[in-house]
PDB file of N, CA and C in Angstrom:
ATOM      1  N   UNK A   1      -5.941  27.605  77.366  1.00  0.00           N
ATOM      2  CA  UNK A   1      -7.124  28.389  77.065  1.00  0.00           C
ATOM      3  C   UNK A   1      -8.351  27.646  77.545  1.00  0.00           C
ATOM      4  N   UNK A   2      -9.216  28.369  78.247  1.00  0.00           N
ATOM      5  CA  UNK A   2     -10.410  27.743  78.815  1.00  0.00           C
ATOM      6  C   UNK A   2     -11.478  27.532  77.748  1.00  0.00           C
ATOM      7  N   UNK A   3     -12.086  26.356  77.784  1.00  0.00           N
ATOM      8  CA  UNK A   3     -13.119  26.013  76.830  1.00  0.00           C
ATOM      9  C   UNK A   3     -14.450  26.584  77.288  1.00  0.00           C
ATOM     10  N   UNK A   4     -15.176  27.221  76.369  1.00  0.00           N
ATOM     11  CA  UNK A   4     -16.491  27.760  76.717  1.00  0.00           C
ATOM     12  C   UNK A   4     -17.505  26.607  76.808  1.00  0.00           C
ATOM     13  N   UNK A   5     -18.408  26.685  77.789  1.00  0.00           N
ATOM     14  CA  UNK A   5     -19.437  25.653  77.841  1.00  0.00           C
ATOM     15  C   UNK A   5     -20.386  25.810  76.661  1.00  0.00           C
ATOM     16  N   UNK A   6     -20.898  24.657  76.169  1.00  0.00           N
ATOM     17  CA  UNK A   6     -21.827  24.714  75.040  1.00  0.00           C
ATOM     18  C   UNK A   6     -23.104  25.411  75.482  1.00  0.00           C
ATOM     19  N   UNK A   7     -23.557  26.318  74.640  1.00  0.00           N
ATOM     20  CA  UNK A   7     -24.827  26.987  74.924  1.00  0.00           C
ATOM     21  C   UNK A   7     -25.978  26.171  74.372  1.00  0.00           C
ATOM     22  N   UNK A   8     -27.028  26.081  75.148  1.00  0.00           N
ATOM     23  CA  UNK A   8     -28.241  25.422  74.663  1.00  0.00           C
ATOM     24  C   UNK A   8     -28.930  26.364  73.688  1.00  0.00           C
ATOM     25  N   UNK A   9     -29.449  25.821  72.593  1.00  0.00           N
ATOM     26  CA  UNK A   9     -30.189  26.683  71.646  1.00  0.00           C
ATOM     27  C   UNK A   9     -31.423  27.281  72.347  1.00  0.00           C
ATOM     28  N   UNK A  10     -31.761  28.477  71.938  1.00  0.00           N
ATOM     29  CA  UNK A  10     -32.938  29.112  72.498  1.00  0.00           C
ATOM     30  C   UNK A  10     -34.175  28.346  72.026  1.00  0.00           C
ATOM     31  N   UNK A  11     -35.260  28.551  72.694  1.00  0.00           N
ATOM     32  CA  UNK A  11     -36.509  27.878  72.335  1.00  0.00           C
ATOM     33  C   UNK A  11     -36.915  28.158  70.888  1.00  0.00           C
ATOM     34  N   UNK A  12     -36.732  29.399  70.474  1.00  0.00           N
ATOM     35  CA  UNK A  12     -37.080  29.761  69.073  1.00  0.00           C
ATOM     36  C   UNK A  12     -36.186  29.040  68.065  1.00  0.00           C
ATOM     37  N   UNK A  13     -34.899  28.928  68.378  1.00  0.00           N
ATOM     38  CA  UNK A  13     -33.993  28.224  67.482  1.00  0.00           C
ATOM     39  C   UNK A  13     -34.300  26.739  67.478  1.00  0.00           C
ATOM     40  N   UNK A  14     -34.713  26.200  68.609  1.00  0.00           N
ATOM     41  CA  UNK A  14     -35.113  24.798  68.651  1.00  0.00           C
ATOM     42  C   UNK A  14     -36.333  24.563  67.752  1.00  0.00           C
ATOM     43  N   UNK A  15     -37.287  25.482  67.793  1.00  0.00           N
ATOM     44  CA  UNK A  15     -38.457  25.382  66.910  1.00  0.00           C
ATOM     45  C   UNK A  15     -38.058  25.467  65.467  1.00  0.00           C
ATOM     46  N   UNK A  16     -37.121  26.336  65.151  1.00  0.00           N
ATOM     47  CA  UNK A  16     -36.631  26.479  63.791  1.00  0.00           C
ATOM     48  C   UNK A  16     -35.980  25.195  63.324  1.00  0.00           C
ATOM     49  N   UNK A  17     -35.133  24.627  64.157  1.00  0.00           N
ATOM     50  CA  UNK A  17     -34.469  23.369  63.839  1.00  0.00           C
ATOM     51  C   UNK A  17     -35.462  22.240  63.621  1.00  0.00           C
ATOM     52  N   UNK A  18     -36.471  22.171  64.471  1.00  0.00           N
ATOM     53  CA  UNK A  18     -37.504  21.139  64.351  1.00  0.00           C
ATOM     54  C   UNK A  18     -38.287  21.315  63.064  1.00  0.00           C
ATOM     55  N   UNK A  19     -38.589  22.533  62.707  1.00  0.00           N
ATOM     56  CA  UNK A  19     -39.339  22.807  61.461  1.00  0.00           C
ATOM     57  C   UNK A  19     -38.496  22.353  60.258  1.00  0.00           C
ATOM     58  N   UNK A  20     -37.219  22.662  60.252  1.00  0.00           N
ATOM     59  CA  UNK A  20     -36.344  22.268  59.156  1.00  0.00           C
ATOM     60  C   UNK A  20     -36.293  20.738  59.063  1.00  0.00           C
ATOM     61  N   UNK A  21     -36.138  20.089  60.186  1.00  0.00           N
ATOM     62  CA  UNK A  21     -36.049  18.611  60.220  1.00  0.00           C
ATOM     63  C   UNK A  21     -37.386  17.988  59.728  1.00  0.00           C
ATOM     64  N   UNK A  22     -38.499  18.504  60.239  1.00  0.00           N
ATOM     65  CA  UNK A  22     -39.805  17.969  59.861  1.00  0.00           C
ATOM     66  C   UNK A  22     -40.053  18.109  58.368  1.00  0.00           C
ATOM     67  N   UNK A  23     -39.678  19.253  57.809  1.00  0.00           N
ATOM     68  CA  UNK A  23     -39.891  19.465  56.363  1.00  0.00           C
ATOM     69  C   UNK A  23     -39.010  18.529  55.556  1.00  0.00           C
ATOM     70  N   UNK A  24     -37.754  18.333  55.997  1.00  0.00           N
ATOM     71  CA  UNK A  24     -36.872  17.417  55.278  1.00  0.00           C
ATOM     72  C   UNK A  24     -37.471  16.009  55.254  1.00  0.00           C
ATOM     73  N   UNK A  25     -37.963  15.555  56.383  1.00  0.00           N
ATOM     74  CA  UNK A  25     -38.570  14.222  56.460  1.00  0.00           C
ATOM     75  C   UNK A  25     -39.812  14.130  55.580  1.00  0.00           C
ATOM     76  N   UNK A  26     -40.626  15.181  55.571  1.00  0.00           N
ATOM     77  CA  UNK A  26     -41.806  15.220  54.706  1.00  0.00           C
ATOM     78  C   UNK A  26     -41.456  15.108  53.233  1.00  0.00           C
ATOM     79  N   UNK A  27     -40.281  15.635  52.893  1.00  0.00           N
ATOM     80  CA  UNK A  27     -39.804  15.575  51.497  1.00  0.00           C
ATOM     81  C   UNK A  27     -39.269  14.193  51.163  1.00  0.00           C
ATOM     82  N   UNK A  28     -39.248  13.277  52.144  1.00  0.00           N
ATOM     83  CA  UNK A  28     -38.824  11.922  51.908  1.00  0.00           C
ATOM     84  C   UNK A  28     -37.362  11.649  52.175  1.00  0.00           C
ATOM     85  N   UNK A  29     -36.666  12.557  52.804  1.00  0.00           N
ATOM     86  CA  UNK A  29     -35.254  12.374  53.121  1.00  0.00           C
ATOM     87  C   UNK A  29     -35.103  11.918  54.566  1.00  0.00           C
ATOM     88  N   UNK A  30     -34.690  10.666  54.745  1.00  0.00           N
ATOM     89  CA  UNK A  30     -34.487  10.183  56.098  1.00  0.00           C
ATOM     90  C   UNK A  30     -33.133  10.637  56.649  1.00  0.00           C
ATOM     91  N   UNK A  31     -32.242  11.031  55.767  1.00  0.00           N
ATOM     92  CA  UNK A  31     -30.894  11.422  56.152  1.00  0.00           C
ATOM     93  C   UNK A  31     -30.663  12.900  55.763  1.00  0.00           C
ATOM     94  N   UNK A  32     -30.318  13.701  56.768  1.00  0.00           N
ATOM     95  CA  UNK A  32     -30.137  15.130  56.488  1.00  0.00           C
ATOM     96  C   UNK A  32     -28.982  15.366  55.523  1.00  0.00           C
ATOM     97  N   UNK A  33     -27.968  14.496  55.571  1.00  0.00           N
ATOM     98  CA  UNK A  33     -26.794  14.686  54.718  1.00  0.00           C
ATOM     99  C   UNK A  33     -27.168  14.589  53.234  1.00  0.00           C
ATOM    100  N   UNK A  34     -28.028  13.664  52.885  1.00  0.00           N
ATOM    101  CA  UNK A  34     -28.458  13.524  51.494  1.00  0.00           C
ATOM    102  C   UNK A  34     -29.218  14.765  51.021  1.00  0.00           C
ATOM    103  N   UNK A  35     -30.107  15.273  51.872  1.00  0.00           N
ATOM    104  CA  UNK A  35     -30.856  16.473  51.504  1.00  0.00           C
ATOM    105  C   UNK A  35     -29.901  17.647  51.282  1.00  0.00           C
ATOM    106  N   UNK A  36     -28.979  17.835  52.235  1.00  0.00           N
ATOM    107  CA  UNK A  36     -28.051  18.953  52.148  1.00  0.00           C
ATOM    108  C   UNK A  36     -27.174  18.817  50.896  1.00  0.00           C
ATOM    109  N   UNK A  37     -26.676  17.642  50.620  1.00  0.00           N
ATOM    110  CA  UNK A  37     -25.810  17.411  49.463  1.00  0.00           C
ATOM    111  C   UNK A  37     -26.574  17.721  48.170  1.00  0.00           C
ATOM    112  N   UNK A  38     -27.782  17.234  48.055  1.00  0.00           N
ATOM    113  CA  UNK A  38     -28.564  17.436  46.840  1.00  0.00           C
ATOM    114  C   UNK A  38     -28.979  18.889  46.616  1.00  0.00           C
ATOM    115  N   UNK A  39     -28.980  19.696  47.690  1.00  0.00           N
ATOM    116  CA  UNK A  39     -29.389  21.081  47.571  1.00  0.00           C
ATOM    117  C   UNK A  39     -28.209  22.065  47.772  1.00  0.00           C
ATOM    118  N   UNK A  40     -27.003  21.510  47.645  1.00  0.00           N
ATOM    119  CA  UNK A  40     -25.793  22.335  47.710  1.00  0.00           C
ATOM    120  C   UNK A  40     -25.685  23.179  48.994  1.00  0.00           C
ATOM    121  N   UNK A  41     -26.016  22.525  50.097  1.00  0.00           N
ATOM    122  CA  UNK A  41     -25.866  23.139  51.439  1.00  0.00           C
ATOM    123  C   UNK A  41     -24.814  22.316  52.178  1.00  0.00           C
ATOM    124  N   UNK A  42     -23.844  22.969  52.794  1.00  0.00           N
ATOM    125  CA  UNK A  42     -22.836  22.193  53.530  1.00  0.00           C
ATOM    126  C   UNK A  42     -23.504  21.271  54.553  1.00  0.00           C
ATOM    127  N   UNK A  43     -23.134  19.975  54.484  1.00  0.00           N
ATOM    128  CA  UNK A  43     -23.837  18.969  55.293  1.00  0.00           C
ATOM    129  C   UNK A  43     -23.706  19.216  56.788  1.00  0.00           C
ATOM    130  N   UNK A  44     -22.511  19.517  57.252  1.00  0.00           N
ATOM    131  CA  UNK A  44     -22.336  19.732  58.698  1.00  0.00           C
ATOM    132  C   UNK A  44     -23.126  20.948  59.157  1.00  0.00           C
ATOM    133  N   UNK A  45     -23.138  21.980  58.321  1.00  0.00           N
ATOM    134  CA  UNK A  45     -23.865  23.181  58.634  1.00  0.00           C
ATOM    135  C   UNK A  45     -25.372  22.892  58.713  1.00  0.00           C
ATOM    136  N   UNK A  46     -25.880  22.142  57.738  1.00  0.00           N
ATOM    137  CA  UNK A  46     -27.317  21.802  57.741  1.00  0.00           C
ATOM    138  C   UNK A  46     -27.665  20.995  58.979  1.00  0.00           C
ATOM    139  N   UNK A  47     -26.790  20.101  59.370  1.00  0.00           N
ATOM    140  CA  UNK A  47     -26.997  19.318  60.586  1.00  0.00           C
ATOM    141  C   UNK A  47     -27.134  20.219  61.798  1.00  0.00           C
ATOM    142  N   UNK A  48     -26.290  21.240  61.870  1.00  0.00           N
ATOM    143  CA  UNK A  48     -26.368  22.191  63.007  1.00  0.00           C
ATOM    144  C   UNK A  48     -27.672  22.973  62.958  1.00  0.00           C
ATOM    145  N   UNK A  49     -28.150  23.305  61.789  1.00  0.00           N
ATOM    146  CA  UNK A  49     -29.438  24.030  61.706  1.00  0.00           C
ATOM    147  C   UNK A  49     -30.541  23.169  62.316  1.00  0.00           C
ATOM    148  N   UNK A  50     -30.544  21.878  61.975  1.00  0.00           N
ATOM    149  CA  UNK A  50     -31.579  20.971  62.514  1.00  0.00           C
ATOM    150  C   UNK A  50     -31.465  20.823  64.018  1.00  0.00           C
ATOM    151  N   UNK A  51     -30.273  21.019  64.560  1.00  0.00           N
ATOM    152  CA  UNK A  51     -30.080  20.917  65.997  1.00  0.00           C
ATOM    153  C   UNK A  51     -30.469  22.199  66.732  1.00  0.00           C
ATOM    154  N   UNK A  52     -30.816  23.227  65.986  1.00  0.00           N
ATOM    155  CA  UNK A  52     -31.235  24.477  66.607  1.00  0.00           C
ATOM    156  C   UNK A  52     -30.137  25.497  66.793  1.00  0.00           C
ATOM    157  N   UNK A  53     -29.031  25.339  66.041  1.00  0.00           N
ATOM    158  CA  UNK A  53     -27.966  26.351  66.115  1.00  0.00           C
ATOM    159  C   UNK A  53     -28.396  27.567  65.284  1.00  0.00           C
ATOM    160  N   UNK A  54     -27.827  28.680  65.657  1.00  0.00           N
ATOM    161  CA  UNK A  54     -28.156  29.933  64.968  1.00  0.00           C
ATOM    162  C   UNK A  54     -27.667  29.887  63.527  1.00  0.00           C
ATOM    163  N   UNK A  55     -28.392  30.580  62.661  1.00  0.00           N
ATOM    164  CA  UNK A  55     -27.985  30.663  61.267  1.00  0.00           C
ATOM    165  C   UNK A  55     -28.250  32.050  60.730  1.00  0.00           C
ATOM    166  N   UNK A  56     -27.522  32.396  59.705  1.00  0.00           N
ATOM    167  CA  UNK A  56     -27.688  33.706  59.085  1.00  0.00           C
ATOM    168  C   UNK A  56     -28.970  33.714  58.270  1.00  0.00           C
ATOM    169  N   UNK A  57     -29.464  34.902  58.033  1.00  0.00           N
ATOM    170  CA  UNK A  57     -30.673  35.072  57.236  1.00  0.00           C
ATOM    171  C   UNK A  57     -30.473  34.494  55.829  1.00  0.00           C
ATOM    172  N   UNK A  58     -29.321  34.741  55.230  1.00  0.00           N
ATOM    173  CA  UNK A  58     -29.074  34.238  53.870  1.00  0.00           C
ATOM    174  C   UNK A  58     -29.071  32.708  53.849  1.00  0.00           C
ATOM    175  N   UNK A  59     -28.593  32.092  54.912  1.00  0.00           N
ATOM    176  CA  UNK A  59     -28.632  30.630  55.007  1.00  0.00           C
ATOM    177  C   UNK A  59     -30.041  30.134  55.158  1.00  0.00           C
ATOM    178  N   UNK A  60     -30.839  30.819  55.949  1.00  0.00           N
ATOM    179  CA  UNK A  60     -32.244  30.448  56.111  1.00  0.00           C
ATOM    180  C   UNK A  60     -32.969  30.528  54.775  1.00  0.00           C
ATOM    181  N   UNK A  61     -32.713  31.589  54.026  1.00  0.00           N
ATOM    182  CA  UNK A  61     -33.322  31.708  52.701  1.00  0.00           C
ATOM    183  C   UNK A  61     -32.967  30.544  51.788  1.00  0.00           C
ATOM    184  N   UNK A  62     -31.725  30.130  51.840  1.00  0.00           N
ATOM    185  CA  UNK A  62     -31.291  29.006  51.002  1.00  0.00           C
ATOM    186  C   UNK A  62     -32.015  27.729  51.400  1.00  0.00           C
ATOM    187  N   UNK A  63     -32.171  27.503  52.704  1.00  0.00           N
ATOM    188  CA  UNK A  63     -32.879  26.319  53.209  1.00  0.00           C
ATOM    189  C   UNK A  63     -34.343  26.347  52.791  1.00  0.00           C
ATOM    190  N   UNK A  64     -34.976  27.490  52.979  1.00  0.00           N
ATOM    191  CA  UNK A  64     -36.397  27.626  52.634  1.00  0.00           C
ATOM    192  C   UNK A  64     -36.609  27.408  51.142  1.00  0.00           C
ATOM    193  N   UNK A  65     -35.729  27.946  50.328  1.00  0.00           N
ATOM    194  CA  UNK A  65     -35.846  27.753  48.876  1.00  0.00           C
ATOM    195  C   UNK A  65     -35.607  26.290  48.490  1.00  0.00           C
ATOM    196  N   UNK A  66     -34.727  25.618  49.222  1.00  0.00           N
ATOM    197  CA  UNK A  66     -34.482  24.193  48.956  1.00  0.00           C
ATOM    198  C   UNK A  66     -35.752  23.361  49.174  1.00  0.00           C
ATOM    199  N   UNK A  67     -36.609  23.845  50.078  1.00  0.00           N
ATOM    200  CA  UNK A  67     -37.885  23.167  50.304  1.00  0.00           C
ATOM    201  C   UNK A  67     -38.948  23.605  49.310  1.00  0.00           C
ATOM    202  N   UNK A  68     -38.610  24.570  48.440  1.00  0.00           N
ATOM    203  CA  UNK A  68     -39.561  25.051  47.458  1.00  0.00           C
ATOM    204  C   UNK A  68     -40.670  25.853  48.085  1.00  0.00           C
ATOM    205  N   UNK A  69     -40.337  26.617  49.123  1.00  0.00           N
ATOM    206  CA  UNK A  69     -41.347  27.380  49.879  1.00  0.00           C
ATOM    207  C   UNK A  69     -40.996  28.859  49.900  1.00  0.00           C
ATOM    208  N   UNK A  70     -42.017  29.643  50.247  1.00  0.00           N
ATOM    209  CA  UNK A  70     -41.789  31.056  50.568  1.00  0.00           C
ATOM    210  C   UNK A  70     -41.513  31.152  52.066  1.00  0.00           C
ATOM    211  N   UNK A  71     -41.010  32.284  52.501  1.00  0.00           N
ATOM    212  CA  UNK A  71     -40.793  32.474  53.941  1.00  0.00           C
ATOM    213  C   UNK A  71     -42.133  32.389  54.694  1.00  0.00           C
ATOM    214  N   UNK A  72     -43.155  32.936  54.086  1.00  0.00           N
ATOM    215  CA  UNK A  72     -44.491  32.887  54.728  1.00  0.00           C
ATOM    216  C   UNK A  72     -44.943  31.444  54.913  1.00  0.00           C
ATOM    217  N   UNK A  73     -44.765  30.614  53.912  1.00  0.00           N
ATOM    218  CA  UNK A  73     -45.134  29.200  54.024  1.00  0.00           C
ATOM    219  C   UNK A  73     -44.302  28.498  55.090  1.00  0.00           C
ATOM    220  N   UNK A  74     -43.028  28.807  55.107  1.00  0.00           N
ATOM    221  CA  UNK A  74     -42.130  28.140  56.050  1.00  0.00           C
ATOM    222  C   UNK A  74     -42.541  28.466  57.499  1.00  0.00           C
ATOM    223  N   UNK A  75     -42.844  29.702  57.787  1.00  0.00           N
ATOM    224  CA  UNK A  75     -43.175  30.111  59.150  1.00  0.00           C
ATOM    225  C   UNK A  75     -44.627  29.938  59.513  1.00  0.00           C
ATOM    226  N   UNK A  76     -45.403  29.399  58.612  1.00  0.00           N
ATOM    227  CA  UNK A  76     -46.828  29.204  58.855  1.00  0.00           C
ATOM    228  C   UNK A  76     -47.097  28.165  59.922  1.00  0.00           C
ATOM    229  N   UNK A  77     -46.218  27.158  60.069  1.00  0.00           N
ATOM    230  CA  UNK A  77     -46.391  26.094  61.035  1.00  0.00           C
ATOM    231  C   UNK A  77     -45.194  25.980  61.952  1.00  0.00           C
ATOM    232  N   UNK A  78     -45.460  25.502  63.184  1.00  0.00           N
ATOM    233  CA  UNK A  78     -44.390  25.147  64.094  1.00  0.00           C
ATOM    234  C   UNK A  78     -43.828  26.248  64.961  1.00  0.00           C
ATOM    235  N   UNK A  79     -44.399  27.450  64.920  1.00  0.00           N
ATOM    236  CA  UNK A  79     -43.847  28.546  65.672  1.00  0.00           C
ATOM    237  C   UNK A  79     -44.896  29.211  66.597  1.00  0.00           C
ATOM    238  N   UNK A  80     -45.883  28.449  67.008  1.00  0.00           N
ATOM    239  CA  UNK A  80     -46.924  29.001  67.889  1.00  0.00           C
ATOM    240  C   UNK A  80     -46.379  29.385  69.240  1.00  0.00           C
TER     241      UNK A  80
END
């Protein structure tokens, strides 16, 4: 079976991943795994979000809530 080449995340998903990573660091977490564990988010999955992989809306809501933010607050920065 032929292996599919890895797709590069779209620019928008890269911005989303960067926003998630920046917020985690602002919260004082140098390690994404610790943040994910403490907020009951699968660690490998959270790592993929920070890398700019696609995520479901329900997953995005969970991440935004883990930061203690509204969707409006979350999207206020980093998406120009």
